[in-house]
Amino acid sequence: MSSSNAETLVRMANQITRFFKVQGEERAVVGISEHLMKFWEPRMKDGIFAHLDAGGDGLDPLTLKALDKLRADLAKKKAGAAAQPQSPPSGAKKVAQPAQQAKAKASNGKAKR
C-alpha cells in the first residue's frame, strides 16, 4: 500500500476514533469497530490491517483496540459463514432432481391408466 494511502486511512480511522472517544473506552471501541465494519469497503479494511501489521504508526491507541476487535469480529463472521450449509434464498423455488422427476412421471402415468 502506498504511504499516502496508509496516511489517509490512518487519518480517517483516527477521526472516527475522536468522534466515539467521548463515549468512554468500552463503548468507543465497539462503535469504532462497528463503523468500520459497516462503512469501510474491504480494500480499506485490508489496507488499515496491512498498516497495523507493519507497526501501526500514527494510529490512536483506541483505534488500535478497535482494529483488534474488528479483526476478531471479521474472523468470527468468516468462520461462521464457512460452517453454515449453503441453502437457497428464502422464496426460492425447489427444483426436483432428475431421478425424482422420472419417478413422478412413472407414477403419474400409472394413475392415468
PDB file of N, CA and C in Angstrom:
ATOM      1  N   MET A   1       0.852  -1.172   0.000  1.00  0.00           N
ATOM      2  CA  MET A   1       0.000   0.000   0.000  1.00  0.00           C
ATOM      3  C   MET A   1       0.890   1.225   0.000  1.00  0.00           C
ATOM      4  N   SER A   2       0.489   2.248  -0.724  1.00  0.00           N
ATOM      5  CA  SER A   2       1.293   3.458  -0.793  1.00  0.00           C
ATOM      6  C   SER A   2       1.239   4.197   0.535  1.00  0.00           C
ATOM      7  N   SER A   3       2.272   4.979   0.770  1.00  0.00           N
ATOM      8  CA  SER A   3       2.377   5.738   2.015  1.00  0.00           C
ATOM      9  C   SER A   3       1.225   6.719   2.165  1.00  0.00           C
ATOM     10  N   SER A   4       0.863   7.397   1.075  1.00  0.00           N
ATOM     11  CA  SER A   4      -0.220   8.380   1.169  1.00  0.00           C
ATOM     12  C   SER A   4      -1.561   7.696   1.424  1.00  0.00           C
ATOM     13  N   ASN A   5      -1.756   6.496   0.865  1.00  0.00           N
ATOM     14  CA  ASN A   5      -2.987   5.753   1.118  1.00  0.00           C
ATOM     15  C   ASN A   5      -3.054   5.352   2.587  1.00  0.00           C
ATOM     16  N   ALA A   6      -1.944   4.873   3.132  1.00  0.00           N
ATOM     17  CA  ALA A   6      -1.897   4.487   4.541  1.00  0.00           C
ATOM     18  C   ALA A   6      -2.152   5.698   5.430  1.00  0.00           C
ATOM     19  N   GLU A   7      -1.546   6.827   5.071  1.00  0.00           N
ATOM     20  CA  GLU A   7      -1.745   8.051   5.851  1.00  0.00           C
ATOM     21  C   GLU A   7      -3.212   8.473   5.835  1.00  0.00           C
ATOM     22  N   THR A   8      -3.854   8.338   4.691  1.00  0.00           N
ATOM     23  CA  THR A   8      -5.266   8.699   4.576  1.00  0.00           C
ATOM     24  C   THR A   8      -6.125   7.786   5.447  1.00  0.00           C
ATOM     25  N   LEU A   9      -5.860   6.483   5.403  1.00  0.00           N
ATOM     26  CA  LEU A   9      -6.636   5.539   6.217  1.00  0.00           C
ATOM     27  C   LEU A   9      -6.415   5.786   7.706  1.00  0.00           C
ATOM     28  N   VAL A  10      -5.176   6.076   8.088  1.00  0.00           N
ATOM     29  CA  VAL A  10      -4.865   6.376   9.488  1.00  0.00           C
ATOM     30  C   VAL A  10      -5.618   7.637   9.926  1.00  0.00           C
ATOM     31  N   ARG A  11      -5.559   8.667   9.098  1.00  0.00           N
ATOM     32  CA  ARG A  11      -6.257   9.917   9.419  1.00  0.00           C
ATOM     33  C   ARG A  11      -7.756   9.671   9.575  1.00  0.00           C
ATOM     34  N   MET A  12      -8.343   8.930   8.641  1.00  0.00           N
ATOM     35  CA  MET A  12      -9.778   8.645   8.699  1.00  0.00           C
ATOM     36  C   MET A  12     -10.143   7.834   9.949  1.00  0.00           C
ATOM     37  N   ALA A  13      -9.363   6.793  10.227  1.00  0.00           N
ATOM     38  CA  ALA A  13      -9.632   5.944  11.393  1.00  0.00           C
ATOM     39  C   ALA A  13      -9.516   6.756  12.681  1.00  0.00           C
ATOM     40  N   ASN A  14      -8.512   7.623  12.771  1.00  0.00           N
ATOM     41  CA  ASN A  14      -8.344   8.450  13.964  1.00  0.00           C
ATOM     42  C   ASN A  14      -9.457   9.490  14.096  1.00  0.00           C
ATOM     43  N   GLN A  15      -9.982   9.987  12.976  1.00  0.00           N
ATOM     44  CA  GLN A  15     -11.119  10.915  13.036  1.00  0.00           C
ATOM     45  C   GLN A  15     -12.359  10.211  13.585  1.00  0.00           C
ATOM     46  N   ILE A  16     -12.570   8.996  13.149  1.00  0.00           N
ATOM     47  CA  ILE A  16     -13.699   8.202  13.659  1.00  0.00           C
ATOM     48  C   ILE A  16     -13.518   7.975  15.156  1.00  0.00           C
ATOM     49  N   THR A  17     -12.289   7.696  15.551  1.00  0.00           N
ATOM     50  CA  THR A  17     -11.987   7.477  16.967  1.00  0.00           C
ATOM     51  C   THR A  17     -12.289   8.736  17.778  1.00  0.00           C
ATOM     52  N   ARG A  18     -11.892   9.899  17.284  1.00  0.00           N
ATOM     53  CA  ARG A  18     -12.169  11.151  18.015  1.00  0.00           C
ATOM     54  C   ARG A  18     -13.675  11.343  18.217  1.00  0.00           C
ATOM     55  N   PHE A  19     -14.461  10.955  17.232  1.00  0.00           N
ATOM     56  CA  PHE A  19     -15.909  11.072  17.363  1.00  0.00           C
ATOM     57  C   PHE A  19     -16.430  10.184  18.496  1.00  0.00           C
ATOM     58  N   PHE A  20     -15.986   8.935  18.546  1.00  0.00           N
ATOM     59  CA  PHE A  20     -16.507   7.974  19.521  1.00  0.00           C
ATOM     60  C   PHE A  20     -15.847   8.077  20.895  1.00  0.00           C
ATOM     61  N   LYS A  21     -14.686   8.708  20.986  1.00  0.00           N
ATOM     62  CA  LYS A  21     -13.900   8.747  22.222  1.00  0.00           C
ATOM     63  C   LYS A  21     -14.688   9.310  23.401  1.00  0.00           C
ATOM     64  N   VAL A  22     -15.573  10.261  23.164  1.00  0.00           N
ATOM     65  CA  VAL A  22     -16.329  10.887  24.253  1.00  0.00           C
ATOM     66  C   VAL A  22     -17.297   9.910  24.928  1.00  0.00           C
ATOM     67  N   GLN A  23     -17.551   8.770  24.315  1.00  0.00           N
ATOM     68  CA  GLN A  23     -18.479   7.787  24.873  1.00  0.00           C
ATOM     69  C   GLN A  23     -17.821   6.870  25.895  1.00  0.00           C
ATOM     70  N   GLY A  24     -16.539   7.043  26.128  1.00  0.00           N
ATOM     71  CA  GLY A  24     -15.821   6.145  27.028  1.00  0.00           C
ATOM     72  C   GLY A  24     -15.202   5.013  26.238  1.00  0.00           C
ATOM     73  N   GLU A  25     -14.139   4.444  26.797  1.00  0.00           N
ATOM     74  CA  GLU A  25     -13.338   3.470  26.045  1.00  0.00           C
ATOM     75  C   GLU A  25     -14.130   2.270  25.558  1.00  0.00           C
ATOM     76  N   GLU A  26     -14.889   1.630  26.426  1.00  0.00           N
ATOM     77  CA  GLU A  26     -15.587   0.394  26.040  1.00  0.00           C
ATOM     78  C   GLU A  26     -16.581   0.637  24.903  1.00  0.00           C
ATOM     79  N   ARG A  27     -17.420   1.656  25.056  1.00  0.00           N
ATOM     80  CA  ARG A  27     -18.408   1.954  24.010  1.00  0.00           C
ATOM     81  C   ARG A  27     -17.736   2.468  22.743  1.00  0.00           C
ATOM     82  N   ALA A  28     -16.647   3.207  22.917  1.00  0.00           N
ATOM     83  CA  ALA A  28     -15.940   3.748  21.754  1.00  0.00           C
ATOM     84  C   ALA A  28     -15.345   2.631  20.912  1.00  0.00           C
ATOM     85  N   VAL A  29     -14.728   1.662  21.540  1.00  0.00           N
ATOM     86  CA  VAL A  29     -14.123   0.550  20.795  1.00  0.00           C
ATOM     87  C   VAL A  29     -15.185  -0.171  19.972  1.00  0.00           C
ATOM     88  N   VAL A  30     -16.334  -0.421  20.578  1.00  0.00           N
ATOM     89  CA  VAL A  30     -17.430  -1.081  19.866  1.00  0.00           C
ATOM     90  C   VAL A  30     -17.932  -0.193  18.734  1.00  0.00           C
ATOM     91  N   GLY A  31     -18.133   1.081  19.008  1.00  0.00           N
ATOM     92  CA  GLY A  31     -18.638   1.997  17.995  1.00  0.00           C
ATOM     93  C   GLY A  31     -17.703   2.155  16.808  1.00  0.00           C
ATOM     94  N   ILE A  32     -16.414   2.289  17.085  1.00  0.00           N
ATOM     95  CA  ILE A  32     -15.422   2.418  16.011  1.00  0.00           C
ATOM     96  C   ILE A  32     -15.413   1.157  15.161  1.00  0.00           C
ATOM     97  N   SER A  33     -15.347   0.021  15.826  1.00  0.00           N
ATOM     98  CA  SER A  33     -15.304  -1.261  15.124  1.00  0.00           C
ATOM     99  C   SER A  33     -16.539  -1.456  14.249  1.00  0.00           C
ATOM    100  N   GLU A  34     -17.719  -1.167  14.802  1.00  0.00           N
ATOM    101  CA  GLU A  34     -18.957  -1.320  14.035  1.00  0.00           C
ATOM    102  C   GLU A  34     -18.992  -0.361  12.847  1.00  0.00           C
ATOM    103  N   HIS A  35     -18.516   0.875  13.062  1.00  0.00           N
ATOM    104  CA  HIS A  35     -18.495   1.848  11.973  1.00  0.00           C
ATOM    105  C   HIS A  35     -17.608   1.352  10.825  1.00  0.00           C
ATOM    106  N   LEU A  36     -16.423   0.880  11.163  1.00  0.00           N
ATOM    107  CA  LEU A  36     -15.507   0.386  10.131  1.00  0.00           C
ATOM    108  C   LEU A  36     -16.090  -0.837   9.426  1.00  0.00           C
ATOM    109  N   MET A  37     -16.748  -1.700  10.176  1.00  0.00           N
ATOM    110  CA  MET A  37     -17.366  -2.903   9.597  1.00  0.00           C
ATOM    111  C   MET A  37     -18.445  -2.511   8.589  1.00  0.00           C
ATOM    112  N   LYS A  38     -19.270  -1.547   8.946  1.00  0.00           N
ATOM    113  CA  LYS A  38     -20.407  -1.177   8.101  1.00  0.00           C
ATOM    114  C   LYS A  38     -20.034  -0.288   6.917  1.00  0.00           C
ATOM    115  N   PHE A  39     -19.110   0.648   7.126  1.00  0.00           N
ATOM    116  CA  PHE A  39     -18.922   1.698   6.141  1.00  0.00           C
ATOM    117  C   PHE A  39     -17.605   1.663   5.370  1.00  0.00           C
ATOM    118  N   TRP A  40     -16.659   0.872   5.810  1.00  0.00           N
ATOM    119  CA  TRP A  40     -15.394   0.776   5.063  1.00  0.00           C
ATOM    120  C   TRP A  40     -15.470  -0.423   4.137  1.00  0.00           C
ATOM    121  N   GLU A  41     -15.090  -0.218   2.886  1.00  0.00           N
ATOM    122  CA  GLU A  41     -15.096  -1.331   1.942  1.00  0.00           C
ATOM    123  C   GLU A  41     -13.929  -2.270   2.257  1.00  0.00           C
ATOM    124  N   PRO A  42     -13.996  -3.502   1.785  1.00  0.00           N
ATOM    125  CA  PRO A  42     -12.969  -4.493   2.129  1.00  0.00           C
ATOM    126  C   PRO A  42     -11.532  -4.043   1.860  1.00  0.00           C
ATOM    127  N   ARG A  43     -11.286  -3.361   0.749  1.00  0.00           N
ATOM    128  CA  ARG A  43      -9.896  -2.971   0.471  1.00  0.00           C
ATOM    129  C   ARG A  43      -9.409  -1.910   1.450  1.00  0.00           C
ATOM    130  N   MET A  44     -10.303  -1.096   1.994  1.00  0.00           N
ATOM    131  CA  MET A  44      -9.905  -0.131   3.020  1.00  0.00           C
ATOM    132  C   MET A  44      -9.540  -0.868   4.309  1.00  0.00           C
ATOM    133  N   LYS A  45     -10.348  -1.850   4.665  1.00  0.00           N
ATOM    134  CA  LYS A  45     -10.047  -2.645   5.862  1.00  0.00           C
ATOM    135  C   LYS A  45      -8.734  -3.396   5.669  1.00  0.00           C
ATOM    136  N   ASP A  46      -8.544  -3.982   4.496  1.00  0.00           N
ATOM    137  CA  ASP A  46      -7.284  -4.683   4.206  1.00  0.00           C
ATOM    138  C   ASP A  46      -6.106  -3.727   4.327  1.00  0.00           C
ATOM    139  N   GLY A  47      -6.282  -2.500   3.839  1.00  0.00           N
ATOM    140  CA  GLY A  47      -5.209  -1.510   3.886  1.00  0.00           C
ATOM    141  C   GLY A  47      -4.844  -1.106   5.302  1.00  0.00           C
ATOM    142  N   ILE A  48      -5.848  -0.872   6.141  1.00  0.00           N
ATOM    143  CA  ILE A  48      -5.559  -0.460   7.517  1.00  0.00           C
ATOM    144  C   ILE A  48      -4.975  -1.631   8.305  1.00  0.00           C
ATOM    145  N   PHE A  49      -5.413  -2.870   8.003  1.00  0.00           N
ATOM    146  CA  PHE A  49      -4.821  -4.039   8.664  1.00  0.00           C
ATOM    147  C   PHE A  49      -3.365  -4.228   8.234  1.00  0.00           C
ATOM    148  N   ALA A  50      -3.065  -3.988   6.971  1.00  0.00           N
ATOM    149  CA  ALA A  50      -1.675  -4.078   6.497  1.00  0.00           C
ATOM    150  C   ALA A  50      -0.812  -3.048   7.218  1.00  0.00           C
ATOM    151  N   HIS A  51      -1.354  -1.845   7.378  1.00  0.00           N
ATOM    152  CA  HIS A  51      -0.619  -0.801   8.097  1.00  0.00           C
ATOM    153  C   HIS A  51      -0.435  -1.205   9.564  1.00  0.00           C
ATOM    154  N   LEU A  52      -1.461  -1.760  10.160  1.00  0.00           N
ATOM    155  CA  LEU A  52      -1.384  -2.232  11.543  1.00  0.00           C
ATOM    156  C   LEU A  52      -0.315  -3.313  11.679  1.00  0.00           C
ATOM    157  N   ASP A  53      -0.303  -4.259  10.738  1.00  0.00           N
ATOM    158  CA  ASP A  53       0.686  -5.347  10.765  1.00  0.00           C
ATOM    159  C   ASP A  53       2.116  -4.838  10.569  1.00  0.00           C
ATOM    160  N   ALA A  54       2.238  -3.682   9.912  1.00  0.00           N
ATOM    161  CA  ALA A  54       3.557  -3.084   9.683  1.00  0.00           C
ATOM    162  C   ALA A  54       3.989  -2.188  10.841  1.00  0.00           C
ATOM    163  N   GLY A  55       3.206  -2.183  11.903  1.00  0.00           N
ATOM    164  CA  GLY A  55       3.577  -1.396  13.077  1.00  0.00           C
ATOM    165  C   GLY A  55       2.499  -0.430  13.538  1.00  0.00           C
ATOM    166  N   GLY A  56       1.625  -0.038  12.648  1.00  0.00           N
ATOM    167  CA  GLY A  56       0.511   0.824  13.030  1.00  0.00           C
ATOM    168  C   GLY A  56       0.887   2.250  13.390  1.00  0.00           C
ATOM    169  N   ASP A  57       1.969   2.752  12.803  1.00  0.00           N
ATOM    170  CA  ASP A  57       2.413   4.118  13.104  1.00  0.00           C
ATOM    171  C   ASP A  57       1.292   5.124  12.917  1.00  0.00           C
ATOM    172  N   GLY A  58       1.131   6.008  13.906  1.00  0.00           N
ATOM    173  CA  GLY A  58       0.171   7.096  13.815  1.00  0.00           C
ATOM    174  C   GLY A  58      -1.225   6.767  14.291  1.00  0.00           C
ATOM    175  N   LEU A  59      -1.510   5.503  14.554  1.00  0.00           N
ATOM    176  CA  LEU A  59      -2.859   5.133  14.999  1.00  0.00           C
ATOM    177  C   LEU A  59      -3.026   5.413  16.491  1.00  0.00           C
ATOM    178  N   ASP A  60      -4.137   6.025  16.828  1.00  0.00           N
ATOM    179  CA  ASP A  60      -4.503   6.288  18.222  1.00  0.00           C
ATOM    180  C   ASP A  60      -4.613   4.943  18.958  1.00  0.00           C
ATOM    181  N   PRO A  61      -4.212   4.897  20.239  1.00  0.00           N
ATOM    182  CA  PRO A  61      -4.332   3.631  20.993  1.00  0.00           C
ATOM    183  C   PRO A  61      -5.754   3.059  20.999  1.00  0.00           C
ATOM    184  N   LEU A  62      -6.761   3.922  21.021  1.00  0.00           N
ATOM    185  CA  LEU A  62      -8.148   3.451  20.984  1.00  0.00           C
ATOM    186  C   LEU A  62      -8.480   2.873  19.613  1.00  0.00           C
ATOM    187  N   THR A  63      -7.921   3.460  18.573  1.00  0.00           N
ATOM    188  CA  THR A  63      -8.103   2.926  17.218  1.00  0.00           C
ATOM    189  C   THR A  63      -7.498   1.530  17.131  1.00  0.00           C
ATOM    190  N   LEU A  64      -6.325   1.365  17.745  1.00  0.00           N
ATOM    191  CA  LEU A  64      -5.669   0.049  17.744  1.00  0.00           C
ATOM    192  C   LEU A  64      -6.566  -1.005  18.395  1.00  0.00           C
ATOM    193  N   LYS A  65      -7.179  -0.666  19.521  1.00  0.00           N
ATOM    194  CA  LYS A  65      -8.075  -1.612  20.201  1.00  0.00           C
ATOM    195  C   LYS A  65      -9.285  -1.937  19.320  1.00  0.00           C
ATOM    196  N   ALA A  66      -9.814  -0.906  18.673  1.00  0.00           N
ATOM    197  CA  ALA A  66     -10.982  -1.125  17.809  1.00  0.00           C
ATOM    198  C   ALA A  66     -10.619  -1.991  16.608  1.00  0.00           C
ATOM    199  N   LEU A  67      -9.423  -1.807  16.060  1.00  0.00           N
ATOM    200  CA  LEU A  67      -8.988  -2.633  14.922  1.00  0.00           C
ATOM    201  C   LEU A  67      -8.781  -4.079  15.346  1.00  0.00           C
ATOM    202  N   ASP A  68      -8.272  -4.287  16.552  1.00  0.00           N
ATOM    203  CA  ASP A  68      -8.145  -5.660  17.062  1.00  0.00           C
ATOM    204  C   ASP A  68      -9.521  -6.306  17.181  1.00  0.00           C
ATOM    205  N   LYS A  69     -10.490  -5.547  17.689  1.00  0.00           N
ATOM    206  CA  LYS A  69     -11.859  -6.077  17.813  1.00  0.00           C
ATOM    207  C   LYS A  69     -12.450  -6.357  16.434  1.00  0.00           C
ATOM    208  N   LEU A  70     -12.254  -5.426  15.511  1.00  0.00           N
ATOM    209  CA  LEU A  70     -12.773  -5.604  14.155  1.00  0.00           C
ATOM    210  C   LEU A  70     -12.190  -6.852  13.505  1.00  0.00           C
ATOM    211  N   ARG A  71     -10.891  -7.032  13.645  1.00  0.00           N
ATOM    212  CA  ARG A  71     -10.243  -8.205  13.059  1.00  0.00           C
ATOM    213  C   ARG A  71     -10.817  -9.489  13.657  1.00  0.00           C
ATOM    214  N   ALA A  72     -11.017  -9.506  14.966  1.00  0.00           N
ATOM    215  CA  ALA A  72     -11.588 -10.689  15.622  1.00  0.00           C
ATOM    216  C   ALA A  72     -13.028 -10.928  15.156  1.00  0.00           C
ATOM    217  N   ASP A  73     -13.807  -9.846  15.046  1.00  0.00           N
ATOM    218  CA  ASP A  73     -15.203  -9.980  14.591  1.00  0.00           C
ATOM    219  C   ASP A  73     -15.275 -10.494  13.156  1.00  0.00           C
ATOM    220  N   LEU A  74     -14.398 -10.003  12.301  1.00  0.00           N
ATOM    221  CA  LEU A  74     -14.380 -10.467  10.907  1.00  0.00           C
ATOM    222  C   LEU A  74     -13.987 -11.942  10.830  1.00  0.00           C
ATOM    223  N   ALA A  75     -13.050 -12.359  11.673  1.00  0.00           N
ATOM    224  CA  ALA A  75     -12.630 -13.762  11.691  1.00  0.00           C
ATOM    225  C   ALA A  75     -13.785 -14.659  12.145  1.00  0.00           C
ATOM    226  N   LYS A  76     -14.528 -14.202  13.165  1.00  0.00           N
ATOM    227  CA  LYS A  76     -15.691 -14.976  13.639  1.00  0.00           C
ATOM    228  C   LYS A  76     -16.757 -15.070  12.552  1.00  0.00           C
ATOM    229  N   LYS A  77     -16.994 -13.942  11.888  1.00  0.00           N
ATOM    230  CA  LYS A  77     -18.003 -13.911  10.820  1.00  0.00           C
ATOM    231  C   LYS A  77     -17.613 -14.856   9.685  1.00  0.00           C
ATOM    232  N   LYS A  78     -16.338 -14.841   9.326  1.00  0.00           N
ATOM    233  CA  LYS A  78     -15.855 -15.713   8.256  1.00  0.00           C
ATOM    234  C   LYS A  78     -15.951 -17.178   8.664  1.00  0.00           C
ATOM    235  N   ALA A  79     -15.588 -17.487   9.899  1.00  0.00           N
ATOM    236  CA  ALA A  79     -15.666 -18.871  10.390  1.00  0.00           C
ATOM    237  C   ALA A  79     -17.116 -19.333  10.454  1.00  0.00           C
ATOM    238  N   GLY A  80     -18.013 -18.453  10.870  1.00  0.00           N
ATOM    239  CA  GLY A  80     -19.432 -18.788  10.941  1.00  0.00           C
ATOM    240  C   GLY A  80     -20.025 -19.030   9.568  1.00  0.00           C
ATOM    241  N   ALA A  81     -19.613 -18.228   8.605  1.00  0.00           N
ATOM    242  CA  ALA A  81     -20.119 -18.388   7.238  1.00  0.00           C
ATOM    243  C   ALA A  81     -19.620 -19.688   6.631  1.00  0.00           C
ATOM    244  N   ALA A  82     -18.384 -20.068   6.953  1.00  0.00           N
ATOM    245  CA  ALA A  82     -17.829 -21.303   6.410  1.00  0.00           C
ATOM    246  C   ALA A  82     -18.514 -22.526   7.014  1.00  0.00           C
ATOM    247  N   ALA A  83     -18.989 -22.403   8.261  1.00  0.00           N
ATOM    248  CA  ALA A  83     -19.625 -23.529   8.943  1.00  0.00           C
ATOM    249  C   ALA A  83     -21.089 -23.697   8.540  1.00  0.00           C
ATOM    250  N   GLN A  84     -21.697 -22.652   8.005  1.00  0.00           N
ATOM    251  CA  GLN A  84     -23.108 -22.704   7.628  1.00  0.00           C
ATOM    252  C   GLN A  84     -23.283 -23.448   6.313  1.00  0.00           C
ATOM    253  N   PRO A  85     -24.221 -24.408   6.262  1.00  0.00           N
ATOM    254  CA  PRO A  85     -24.501 -25.052   4.971  1.00  0.00           C
ATOM    255  C   PRO A  85     -25.178 -24.052   4.051  1.00  0.00           C
ATOM    256  N   GLN A  86     -24.891 -24.160   2.799  1.00  0.00           N
ATOM    257  CA  GLN A  86     -25.486 -23.257   1.823  1.00  0.00           C
ATOM    258  C   GLN A  86     -26.924 -23.677   1.570  1.00  0.00           C
ATOM    259  N   SER A  87     -27.844 -22.758   1.751  1.00  0.00           N
ATOM    260  CA  SER A  87     -29.248 -23.043   1.490  1.00  0.00           C
ATOM    261  C   SER A  87     -29.756 -22.037   0.471  1.00  0.00           C
ATOM    262  N   PRO A  88     -30.783 -22.411  -0.267  1.00  0.00           N
ATOM    263  CA  PRO A  88     -31.322 -21.471  -1.256  1.00  0.00           C
ATOM    264  C   PRO A  88     -31.937 -20.271  -0.549  1.00  0.00           C
ATOM    265  N   PRO A  89     -31.953 -19.134  -1.187  1.00  0.00           N
ATOM    266  CA  PRO A  89     -32.581 -17.955  -0.583  1.00  0.00           C
ATOM    267  C   PRO A  89     -34.048 -18.217  -0.303  1.00  0.00           C
ATOM    268  N   SER A  90     -34.586 -17.539   0.712  1.00  0.00           N
ATOM    269  CA  SER A  90     -35.999 -17.749   1.030  1.00  0.00           C
ATOM    270  C   SER A  90     -36.848 -17.364  -0.174  1.00  0.00           C
ATOM    271  N   GLY A  91     -37.870 -18.126  -0.404  1.00  0.00           N
ATOM    272  CA  GLY A  91     -38.736 -17.875  -1.542  1.00  0.00           C
ATOM    273  C   GLY A  91     -38.243 -18.527  -2.823  1.00  0.00           C
ATOM    274  N   ALA A  92     -37.072 -19.152  -2.761  1.00  0.00           N
ATOM    275  CA  ALA A  92     -36.534 -19.794  -3.956  1.00  0.00           C
ATOM    276  C   ALA A  92     -37.346 -21.050  -4.249  1.00  0.00           C
ATOM    277  N   LYS A  93     -37.590 -21.293  -5.503  1.00  0.00           N
ATOM    278  CA  LYS A  93     -38.368 -22.457  -5.928  1.00  0.00           C
ATOM    279  C   LYS A  93     -37.472 -23.692  -5.876  1.00  0.00           C
ATOM    280  N   LYS A  94     -37.987 -24.761  -5.247  1.00  0.00           N
ATOM    281  CA  LYS A  94     -37.228 -26.008  -5.213  1.00  0.00           C
ATOM    282  C   LYS A  94     -37.364 -26.703  -6.554  1.00  0.00           C
ATOM    283  N   VAL A  95     -36.252 -27.223  -7.035  1.00  0.00           N
ATOM    284  CA  VAL A  95     -36.237 -27.902  -8.327  1.00  0.00           C
ATOM    285  C   VAL A  95     -36.022 -29.392  -8.057  1.00  0.00           C
ATOM    286  N   ALA A  96     -36.893 -30.187  -8.613  1.00  0.00           N
ATOM    287  CA  ALA A  96     -36.777 -31.636  -8.436  1.00  0.00           C
ATOM    288  C   ALA A  96     -35.563 -32.156  -9.204  1.00  0.00           C
ATOM    289  N   GLN A  97     -34.916 -33.121  -8.631  1.00  0.00           N
ATOM    290  CA  GLN A  97     -33.771 -33.748  -9.273  1.00  0.00           C
ATOM    291  C   GLN A  97     -34.273 -34.688 -10.373  1.00  0.00           C
ATOM    292  N   PRO A  98     -33.444 -34.994 -11.382  1.00  0.00           N
ATOM    293  CA  PRO A  98     -33.878 -35.847 -12.493  1.00  0.00           C
ATOM    294  C   PRO A  98     -34.463 -37.190 -12.043  1.00  0.00           C
ATOM    295  N   ALA A  99     -33.890 -37.827 -11.035  1.00  0.00           N
ATOM    296  CA  ALA A  99     -34.410 -39.119 -10.577  1.00  0.00           C
ATOM    297  C   ALA A  99     -35.813 -38.947  -9.996  1.00  0.00           C
ATOM    298  N   GLN A 100     -36.012 -37.860  -9.262  1.00  0.00           N
ATOM    299  CA  GLN A 100     -37.339 -37.601  -8.698  1.00  0.00           C
ATOM    300  C   GLN A 100     -38.344 -37.319  -9.804  1.00  0.00           C
ATOM    301  N   GLN A 101     -37.919 -36.617 -10.833  1.00  0.00           N
ATOM    302  CA  GLN A 101     -38.813 -36.308 -11.944  1.00  0.00           C
ATOM    303  C   GLN A 101     -39.219 -37.589 -12.669  1.00  0.00           C
ATOM    304  N   ALA A 102     -38.271 -38.498 -12.861  1.00  0.00           N
ATOM    305  CA  ALA A 102     -38.571 -39.759 -13.542  1.00  0.00           C
ATOM    306  C   ALA A 102     -39.576 -40.579 -12.733  1.00  0.00           C
ATOM    307  N   LYS A 103     -39.396 -40.659 -11.408  1.00  0.00           N
ATOM    308  CA  LYS A 103     -40.331 -41.396 -10.552  1.00  0.00           C
ATOM    309  C   LYS A 103     -41.718 -40.764 -10.619  1.00  0.00           C
ATOM    310  N   ALA A 104     -41.758 -39.441 -10.598  1.00  0.00           N
ATOM    311  CA  ALA A 104     -43.046 -38.746 -10.637  1.00  0.00           C
ATOM    312  C   ALA A 104     -43.768 -39.027 -11.949  1.00  0.00           C
ATOM    313  N   LYS A 105     -43.050 -39.028 -13.061  1.00  0.00           N
ATOM    314  CA  LYS A 105     -43.667 -39.303 -14.355  1.00  0.00           C
ATOM    315  C   LYS A 105     -44.182 -40.728 -14.398  1.00  0.00           C
ATOM    316  N   ALA A 106     -43.403 -41.659 -13.866  1.00  0.00           N
ATOM    317  CA  ALA A 106     -43.810 -43.068 -13.877  1.00  0.00           C
ATOM    318  C   ALA A 106     -45.063 -43.267 -13.038  1.00  0.00           C
ATOM    319  N   SER A 107     -45.117 -42.643 -11.869  1.00  0.00           N
ATOM    320  CA  SER A 107     -46.288 -42.831 -11.008  1.00  0.00           C
ATOM    321  C   SER A 107     -47.506 -42.102 -11.577  1.00  0.00           C
ATOM    322  N   ASN A 108     -47.297 -40.979 -12.235  1.00  0.00           N
ATOM    323  CA  ASN A 108     -48.414 -40.260 -12.863  1.00  0.00           C
ATOM    324  C   ASN A 108     -48.989 -41.057 -14.036  1.00  0.00           C
ATOM    325  N   GLY A 109     -48.128 -41.693 -14.772  1.00  0.00           N
ATOM    326  CA  GLY A 109     -48.576 -42.492 -15.908  1.00  0.00           C
ATOM    327  C   GLY A 109     -49.406 -43.675 -15.463  1.00  0.00           C
ATOM    328  N   LYS A 110     -49.061 -44.293 -14.341  1.00  0.00           N
ATOM    329  CA  LYS A 110     -49.812 -45.444 -13.822  1.00  0.00           C
ATOM    330  C   LYS A 110     -51.181 -45.022 -13.329  1.00  0.00           C
ATOM    331  N   ALA A 111     -51.246 -43.839 -12.731  1.00  0.00           N
ATOM    332  CA  ALA A 111     -52.514 -43.388 -12.171  1.00  0.00           C
ATOM    333  C   ALA A 111     -53.521 -43.068 -13.275  1.00  0.00           C
ATOM    334  N   LYS A 112     -53.075 -42.637 -14.441  1.00  0.00           N
ATOM    335  CA  LYS A 112     -53.963 -42.254 -15.518  1.00  0.00           C
ATOM    336  C   LYS A 112     -54.558 -43.480 -16.220  1.00  0.00           C
ATOM    337  N   ARG A 113     -53.946 -44.617 -16.142  1.00  0.00           N
ATOM    338  CA  ARG A 113     -54.410 -45.795 -16.872  1.00  0.00           C
ATOM    339  C   ARG A 113     -55.613 -46.398 -16.287  1.00  0.00           C
TER     340      ARG A 113
END
